Each structure stands twice: as structure tokens, then as C-alpha cells.
Protein backbone atom coordinates (compact mmCIF):
# COMPACT_ATOMS: atom_id res chain seq x y z
CA MET A 1 80.95 -20.05 -48.75
CA PHE A 2 80.13 -16.55 -48.13
CA ASP A 3 83.21 -13.79 -46.94
CA GLU A 4 81.61 -12.40 -44.42
CA PRO A 5 82.71 -9.40 -42.33
CA PHE A 6 82.18 -10.32 -38.92
CA PRO A 7 82.07 -13.69 -39.27
CA THR A 8 81.25 -14.22 -34.88
CA LEU A 9 78.13 -16.52 -33.11
CA THR A 10 76.22 -12.83 -32.93
CA MET A 11 76.01 -12.45 -37.09
CA ALA A 12 75.44 -15.81 -37.72
CA ARG A 13 72.23 -14.94 -34.35
CA ILE A 14 70.92 -12.32 -36.54
CA LEU A 15 71.21 -13.65 -40.24
CA ALA A 16 69.38 -16.33 -39.36
CA ASP A 17 66.83 -14.33 -37.38
CA GLN A 18 66.24 -12.75 -40.43
CA GLY A 19 66.58 -15.76 -43.16
CA HIS A 20 69.18 -15.09 -45.05
CA PHE A 21 70.43 -19.23 -43.56
CA LYS A 22 72.64 -19.94 -46.07
CA ARG A 23 74.91 -16.83 -44.84
CA SER A 24 74.25 -17.41 -41.48
CA LEU A 25 75.39 -21.28 -41.41
CA ALA A 26 78.07 -20.28 -43.69
CA ILE A 27 79.52 -18.80 -40.40
CA TYR A 28 78.90 -21.20 -38.19
CA ALA A 29 80.80 -23.67 -40.53
CA THR A 30 84.05 -20.79 -39.94
CA LEU A 31 83.09 -21.05 -36.86
CA LEU A 32 82.72 -24.63 -36.31
CA ARG A 33 85.93 -25.04 -38.12
CA GLU A 34 88.02 -22.89 -35.87
CA GLU A 35 86.03 -25.27 -32.05
CA PRO A 36 85.62 -28.35 -33.28
CA GLY A 37 83.77 -29.42 -30.66
CA ASN A 38 81.28 -27.09 -29.60
CA ARG A 39 77.98 -29.20 -29.18
CA GLU A 40 77.06 -25.79 -28.58
CA LEU A 41 77.47 -23.83 -32.31
CA SER A 42 76.25 -26.88 -33.73
CA ALA A 43 73.64 -27.56 -32.12
CA GLU A 44 71.84 -24.45 -33.61
CA ALA A 45 73.33 -24.89 -36.13
CA ASP A 46 71.58 -28.26 -36.50
CA GLY A 47 68.59 -25.82 -35.39
CA ILE A 48 68.89 -23.63 -38.36
CA ARG A 49 69.23 -26.51 -40.28
CA ALA A 50 65.96 -27.06 -39.38
CA GLN A 51 64.56 -24.16 -39.96
CA SER A 52 65.66 -23.59 -43.98
CA ARG A 53 64.22 -26.85 -45.15
CA SER A 54 60.53 -26.22 -42.81
CA ARG A 55 60.77 -22.23 -44.42
CA ARG A 56 61.21 -24.24 -48.19
CA PRO A 57 58.41 -22.94 -50.51
CA GLN A 58 56.12 -25.92 -51.26
CA VAL A 59 56.18 -27.36 -54.76
CA HIS A 60 52.17 -27.79 -55.42
């Protein structure tokens, strides 16, 4: 896991917007450990996971 200096929701969103899905999801994991019942965080993390799967290069 990445050791982000600022594990905030804002940083997770910025990283996701820039395509750094793995780093973004690492922050979401940290935030969800702090707030395990946070449905908004969980839903956003699920969305980032889906985004990362759809942007993987296809093998021909």
C-alpha cells in the first residue's frame, strides 16, 4: 500500500481524476478503516474500481 502524505478524500478524488487508481484506492482503504460504515466512501471506492477496470488496455 502507498503511504500518502495526505490521505484525505480530496486527495483520493484528485488521484482518481488523474488516473492514479491504485493510489486513490489505497487512500479510500485507509479512510474506510477509519470509517467502516461510511457508505459514501464505499460507493466512491467501488466507482473508482469500476473505472480502473474499464481503462485497462485490451490485449489483442
